[in-house]
């Protein structure tokens, strides 16, 4: 993982927002707990990298993120299950987190 530590993401990326960048797209990850269930989701949209550590979202003529959509969501009482499902899901252009991890950038807006 570029710009931050992989272990830090694996330890903390589930409990607060994490913004990942891969091949021109933001993958905005967030998790929350409700009714003893943990939900983790990923929204995606197009963006440009600035100075290799920040990003600027692409905005269309209506002021909306370009190609914005929720691309992944998992809910379960078992946090380890939720983590495993995300790490193996083919949400990054048909590849899993582990398949692209060396190319992922963890960015700031």
N, C-alpha and C. Protein backbone atom coordinates (compact mmCIF):
# COMPACT_ATOMS: atom_id res chain seq x y z
N UNK A 1 0.86 -1.18 0.00
CA UNK A 1 0.00 0.00 0.00
C UNK A 1 0.90 1.24 0.00
N UNK A 2 0.62 2.13 -0.90
CA UNK A 2 1.44 3.33 -1.08
C UNK A 2 0.91 4.46 -0.19
N UNK A 3 1.80 5.17 0.44
CA UNK A 3 1.53 6.36 1.25
C UNK A 3 1.14 6.08 2.70
N UNK A 4 0.78 4.89 3.05
CA UNK A 4 0.48 4.54 4.44
C UNK A 4 0.78 3.07 4.63
N UNK A 5 0.80 2.64 5.84
CA UNK A 5 1.14 1.28 6.16
C UNK A 5 -0.04 0.34 5.99
N UNK A 6 0.21 -0.78 5.35
CA UNK A 6 -0.81 -1.82 5.18
C UNK A 6 -1.35 -2.26 6.53
N UNK A 7 -0.47 -2.49 7.49
CA UNK A 7 -0.91 -2.95 8.81
C UNK A 7 -1.82 -1.92 9.48
N UNK A 8 -1.54 -0.64 9.28
CA UNK A 8 -2.40 0.40 9.85
C UNK A 8 -3.80 0.33 9.25
N UNK A 9 -3.88 0.13 7.94
CA UNK A 9 -5.19 0.00 7.31
C UNK A 9 -5.92 -1.23 7.85
N UNK A 10 -5.24 -2.35 7.92
CA UNK A 10 -5.88 -3.57 8.39
C UNK A 10 -6.31 -3.47 9.85
N UNK A 11 -5.62 -2.65 10.64
CA UNK A 11 -5.98 -2.46 12.05
C UNK A 11 -7.08 -1.42 12.26
N UNK A 12 -7.07 -0.36 11.47
CA UNK A 12 -7.96 0.78 11.76
C UNK A 12 -8.92 1.15 10.64
N UNK A 13 -8.70 0.66 9.43
CA UNK A 13 -9.50 1.08 8.27
C UNK A 13 -10.96 0.69 8.35
N UNK A 14 -11.33 -0.13 9.30
CA UNK A 14 -12.70 -0.61 9.43
C UNK A 14 -13.56 0.31 10.28
N UNK A 15 -12.93 1.12 11.11
CA UNK A 15 -13.66 1.89 12.13
C UNK A 15 -13.80 3.36 11.78
N UNK A 16 -13.08 3.81 10.79
CA UNK A 16 -13.21 5.20 10.37
C UNK A 16 -13.08 5.24 8.85
N UNK A 17 -13.21 6.37 8.30
CA UNK A 17 -13.15 6.50 6.84
C UNK A 17 -11.74 6.23 6.34
N UNK A 18 -11.65 5.56 5.22
CA UNK A 18 -10.38 5.35 4.55
C UNK A 18 -10.61 5.59 3.06
N UNK A 19 -9.74 6.35 2.45
CA UNK A 19 -9.87 6.70 1.05
C UNK A 19 -8.74 6.04 0.27
N UNK A 20 -9.10 5.08 -0.55
CA UNK A 20 -8.12 4.37 -1.36
C UNK A 20 -8.24 4.83 -2.81
N UNK A 21 -7.13 4.81 -3.54
CA UNK A 21 -7.10 5.22 -4.93
C UNK A 21 -6.49 4.10 -5.75
N UNK A 22 -7.17 3.77 -6.86
CA UNK A 22 -6.66 2.75 -7.76
C UNK A 22 -7.13 3.05 -9.17
N UNK A 23 -6.19 3.23 -10.08
CA UNK A 23 -6.47 3.43 -11.50
C UNK A 23 -7.55 4.47 -11.78
N UNK A 24 -7.38 5.67 -11.22
CA UNK A 24 -8.27 6.78 -11.54
C UNK A 24 -9.57 6.82 -10.77
N UNK A 25 -9.71 5.95 -9.77
CA UNK A 25 -10.94 5.93 -8.99
C UNK A 25 -10.65 5.97 -7.50
N UNK A 26 -11.53 6.67 -6.81
CA UNK A 26 -11.54 6.67 -5.34
C UNK A 26 -12.40 5.50 -4.89
N UNK A 27 -11.93 4.83 -3.87
CA UNK A 27 -12.70 3.78 -3.19
C UNK A 27 -12.78 4.23 -1.74
N UNK A 28 -13.91 4.83 -1.39
CA UNK A 28 -14.11 5.42 -0.07
C UNK A 28 -14.77 4.38 0.82
N UNK A 29 -14.04 3.96 1.84
CA UNK A 29 -14.47 2.87 2.72
C UNK A 29 -14.90 3.42 4.08
N UNK A 30 -15.95 2.83 4.63
CA UNK A 30 -16.37 3.22 5.97
C UNK A 30 -17.13 2.06 6.60
N UNK A 31 -17.03 1.96 7.92
CA UNK A 31 -17.74 0.93 8.66
C UNK A 31 -18.49 1.54 9.83
N UNK A 32 -19.56 0.85 10.25
CA UNK A 32 -20.31 1.30 11.42
C UNK A 32 -20.99 0.09 12.05
N UNK A 33 -21.35 0.24 13.32
CA UNK A 33 -22.04 -0.81 14.06
C UNK A 33 -23.44 -0.34 14.41
N UNK A 34 -24.42 -1.24 14.23
CA UNK A 34 -25.80 -0.94 14.57
C UNK A 34 -26.50 -2.26 14.90
N UNK A 35 -27.19 -2.29 16.03
CA UNK A 35 -27.93 -3.48 16.46
C UNK A 35 -27.06 -4.73 16.47
N UNK A 36 -25.85 -4.59 17.02
CA UNK A 36 -24.90 -5.70 17.15
C UNK A 36 -24.46 -6.28 15.81
N UNK A 37 -24.62 -5.51 14.76
CA UNK A 37 -24.16 -5.90 13.43
C UNK A 37 -23.16 -4.87 12.95
N UNK A 38 -22.12 -5.32 12.30
CA UNK A 38 -21.13 -4.42 11.74
C UNK A 38 -21.33 -4.36 10.23
N UNK A 39 -21.38 -3.15 9.69
CA UNK A 39 -21.52 -2.95 8.25
C UNK A 39 -20.29 -2.24 7.73
N UNK A 40 -19.78 -2.71 6.62
CA UNK A 40 -18.65 -2.08 5.95
C UNK A 40 -19.06 -1.88 4.50
N UNK A 41 -18.86 -0.65 3.99
CA UNK A 41 -19.26 -0.37 2.61
C UNK A 41 -18.19 0.43 1.90
N UNK A 42 -18.27 0.39 0.57
CA UNK A 42 -17.32 1.10 -0.28
C UNK A 42 -18.10 1.83 -1.36
N UNK A 43 -17.86 3.14 -1.46
CA UNK A 43 -18.39 3.96 -2.55
C UNK A 43 -17.22 4.30 -3.47
N UNK A 44 -17.51 4.51 -4.74
CA UNK A 44 -16.45 4.79 -5.69
C UNK A 44 -16.85 5.93 -6.63
N UNK A 45 -15.84 6.66 -7.09
CA UNK A 45 -16.04 7.71 -8.10
C UNK A 45 -14.68 8.05 -8.70
N UNK A 46 -14.71 8.80 -9.78
CA UNK A 46 -13.48 9.17 -10.47
C UNK A 46 -12.79 10.35 -9.79
N UNK A 47 -11.45 10.33 -9.84
CA UNK A 47 -10.66 11.40 -9.21
C UNK A 47 -9.28 11.46 -9.83
N UNK A 48 -8.59 12.58 -9.59
CA UNK A 48 -7.21 12.77 -9.99
C UNK A 48 -6.34 12.84 -8.75
N UNK A 49 -5.11 12.36 -8.86
CA UNK A 49 -4.14 12.49 -7.77
C UNK A 49 -3.42 13.82 -7.91
N UNK A 50 -3.19 14.48 -6.78
CA UNK A 50 -2.43 15.73 -6.75
C UNK A 50 -1.21 15.50 -5.86
N UNK A 51 -0.03 15.75 -6.42
CA UNK A 51 1.23 15.61 -5.68
C UNK A 51 1.38 14.24 -5.04
N UNK A 52 0.82 13.22 -5.66
CA UNK A 52 0.99 11.83 -5.25
C UNK A 52 0.53 11.51 -3.83
N UNK A 53 -0.23 12.41 -3.19
CA UNK A 53 -0.71 12.08 -1.84
C UNK A 53 -2.10 12.64 -1.54
N UNK A 54 -2.61 13.50 -2.38
CA UNK A 54 -3.95 14.05 -2.21
C UNK A 54 -4.77 13.72 -3.45
N UNK A 55 -6.07 13.85 -3.34
CA UNK A 55 -6.88 13.62 -4.53
C UNK A 55 -7.87 14.77 -4.71
N UNK A 56 -8.32 14.90 -5.95
CA UNK A 56 -9.35 15.87 -6.29
C UNK A 56 -10.43 15.11 -7.04
N UNK A 57 -11.63 15.09 -6.49
CA UNK A 57 -12.74 14.39 -7.11
C UNK A 57 -13.12 15.06 -8.42
N UNK A 58 -13.46 14.25 -9.41
CA UNK A 58 -13.98 14.78 -10.67
C UNK A 58 -15.47 15.04 -10.47
N UNK A 59 -15.90 16.24 -10.88
CA UNK A 59 -17.27 16.69 -10.69
C UNK A 59 -17.89 16.94 -12.06
N UNK A 60 -19.13 16.47 -12.26
CA UNK A 60 -19.80 16.69 -13.54
C UNK A 60 -20.47 18.06 -13.57
N UNK A 61 -21.14 18.38 -14.66
CA UNK A 61 -21.76 19.69 -14.83
C UNK A 61 -22.90 19.94 -13.85
N UNK A 62 -23.42 18.89 -13.22
CA UNK A 62 -24.47 19.03 -12.22
C UNK A 62 -23.92 19.10 -10.79
N UNK A 63 -22.60 19.15 -10.67
CA UNK A 63 -21.98 19.23 -9.35
C UNK A 63 -21.90 17.90 -8.62
N UNK A 64 -22.08 16.80 -9.33
CA UNK A 64 -22.03 15.46 -8.74
C UNK A 64 -20.70 14.79 -9.04
N UNK A 65 -20.27 13.89 -8.14
CA UNK A 65 -19.08 13.09 -8.42
C UNK A 65 -19.30 12.29 -9.71
N UNK A 66 -18.28 12.21 -10.55
CA UNK A 66 -18.37 11.46 -11.79
C UNK A 66 -18.35 9.96 -11.49
N UNK A 67 -19.37 9.27 -12.00
CA UNK A 67 -19.51 7.82 -11.83
C UNK A 67 -19.58 7.38 -10.37
N UNK A 68 -20.25 8.16 -9.54
CA UNK A 68 -20.40 7.83 -8.12
C UNK A 68 -21.39 6.68 -7.94
N UNK A 69 -20.99 5.69 -7.14
CA UNK A 69 -21.91 4.60 -6.81
C UNK A 69 -21.37 3.81 -5.62
N UNK A 70 -22.30 3.20 -4.91
CA UNK A 70 -21.89 2.24 -3.89
C UNK A 70 -21.57 0.95 -4.62
N UNK A 71 -20.36 0.44 -4.40
CA UNK A 71 -19.96 -0.76 -5.14
C UNK A 71 -19.86 -2.00 -4.26
N UNK A 72 -19.95 -1.80 -2.94
CA UNK A 72 -19.79 -2.95 -2.05
C UNK A 72 -20.41 -2.65 -0.70
N UNK A 73 -21.03 -3.68 -0.11
CA UNK A 73 -21.58 -3.57 1.24
C UNK A 73 -21.67 -4.98 1.82
N UNK A 74 -21.25 -5.13 3.06
CA UNK A 74 -21.38 -6.40 3.77
C UNK A 74 -21.76 -6.10 5.22
N UNK A 75 -22.66 -6.90 5.79
CA UNK A 75 -23.10 -6.75 7.17
C UNK A 75 -23.09 -8.11 7.83
N UNK A 76 -22.53 -8.15 9.05
CA UNK A 76 -22.49 -9.40 9.81
C UNK A 76 -22.11 -9.06 11.25
N UNK A 77 -22.48 -9.91 12.18
CA UNK A 77 -22.12 -9.71 13.58
C UNK A 77 -20.65 -10.02 13.83
N UNK A 78 -20.04 -10.81 12.98
CA UNK A 78 -18.65 -11.22 13.13
C UNK A 78 -17.74 -10.29 12.33
N UNK A 79 -16.99 -9.46 13.03
CA UNK A 79 -16.09 -8.50 12.37
C UNK A 79 -15.05 -9.20 11.50
N UNK A 80 -14.53 -10.31 11.94
CA UNK A 80 -13.54 -11.02 11.13
C UNK A 80 -14.14 -11.50 9.80
N UNK A 81 -15.39 -11.90 9.83
CA UNK A 81 -16.08 -12.29 8.60
C UNK A 81 -16.18 -11.10 7.65
N UNK A 82 -16.59 -9.95 8.17
CA UNK A 82 -16.72 -8.74 7.35
C UNK A 82 -15.39 -8.37 6.72
N UNK A 83 -14.33 -8.40 7.50
CA UNK A 83 -12.99 -8.08 6.97
C UNK A 83 -12.60 -9.04 5.87
N UNK A 84 -12.76 -10.33 6.12
CA UNK A 84 -12.37 -11.34 5.14
C UNK A 84 -13.15 -11.17 3.85
N UNK A 85 -14.44 -10.91 3.95
CA UNK A 85 -15.27 -10.73 2.75
C UNK A 85 -14.77 -9.55 1.92
N UNK A 86 -14.48 -8.42 2.57
CA UNK A 86 -13.99 -7.26 1.84
C UNK A 86 -12.65 -7.55 1.18
N UNK A 87 -11.72 -8.12 1.91
CA UNK A 87 -10.37 -8.35 1.39
C UNK A 87 -10.36 -9.31 0.20
N UNK A 88 -11.39 -10.15 0.11
CA UNK A 88 -11.46 -11.11 -0.99
C UNK A 88 -12.43 -10.71 -2.10
N UNK A 89 -13.26 -9.70 -1.86
CA UNK A 89 -14.25 -9.27 -2.87
C UNK A 89 -13.53 -8.69 -4.10
N UNK A 90 -14.06 -8.97 -5.26
CA UNK A 90 -13.45 -8.51 -6.53
C UNK A 90 -14.05 -7.15 -6.92
N UNK A 91 -13.80 -6.13 -6.11
CA UNK A 91 -14.42 -4.82 -6.34
C UNK A 91 -13.49 -3.81 -7.01
N UNK A 92 -12.23 -4.12 -7.13
CA UNK A 92 -11.26 -3.20 -7.74
C UNK A 92 -11.00 -3.63 -9.18
N UNK A 93 -11.91 -3.22 -10.07
CA UNK A 93 -11.82 -3.60 -11.49
C UNK A 93 -11.69 -5.11 -11.65
N UNK A 94 -12.50 -5.85 -10.89
CA UNK A 94 -12.51 -7.30 -10.99
C UNK A 94 -11.41 -8.01 -10.23
N UNK A 95 -10.70 -7.26 -9.39
CA UNK A 95 -9.63 -7.85 -8.59
C UNK A 95 -9.90 -7.60 -7.11
N UNK A 96 -9.29 -8.42 -6.28
CA UNK A 96 -9.45 -8.28 -4.83
C UNK A 96 -8.43 -7.29 -4.26
N UNK A 97 -8.67 -6.89 -3.03
CA UNK A 97 -7.74 -6.03 -2.30
C UNK A 97 -6.33 -6.62 -2.35
N UNK A 98 -6.21 -7.90 -2.07
CA UNK A 98 -4.88 -8.53 -2.02
C UNK A 98 -4.21 -8.55 -3.38
N UNK A 99 -4.97 -8.65 -4.46
CA UNK A 99 -4.38 -8.69 -5.79
C UNK A 99 -3.81 -7.34 -6.22
N UNK A 100 -4.37 -6.25 -5.69
CA UNK A 100 -3.90 -4.91 -6.10
C UNK A 100 -3.23 -4.15 -4.97
N UNK A 101 -3.11 -4.73 -3.82
CA UNK A 101 -2.59 -4.02 -2.63
C UNK A 101 -1.30 -3.24 -2.90
N UNK A 102 -0.31 -3.80 -3.63
CA UNK A 102 0.91 -3.01 -3.87
C UNK A 102 0.68 -1.73 -4.68
N UNK A 103 -0.42 -1.67 -5.45
CA UNK A 103 -0.73 -0.51 -6.28
C UNK A 103 -1.68 0.47 -5.62
N UNK A 104 -2.33 0.08 -4.54
CA UNK A 104 -3.30 0.95 -3.86
C UNK A 104 -2.60 2.13 -3.19
N UNK A 105 -3.22 3.27 -3.27
CA UNK A 105 -2.73 4.45 -2.54
C UNK A 105 -3.78 4.82 -1.51
N UNK A 106 -3.33 5.17 -0.34
CA UNK A 106 -4.20 5.62 0.74
C UNK A 106 -4.01 7.13 0.80
N UNK A 107 -5.03 7.90 0.41
CA UNK A 107 -4.87 9.33 0.18
C UNK A 107 -5.69 10.20 1.12
N UNK A 108 -5.38 11.48 1.10
CA UNK A 108 -6.13 12.52 1.78
C UNK A 108 -6.79 13.39 0.72
N UNK A 109 -7.97 13.94 1.04
CA UNK A 109 -8.64 14.81 0.10
C UNK A 109 -7.95 16.15 0.06
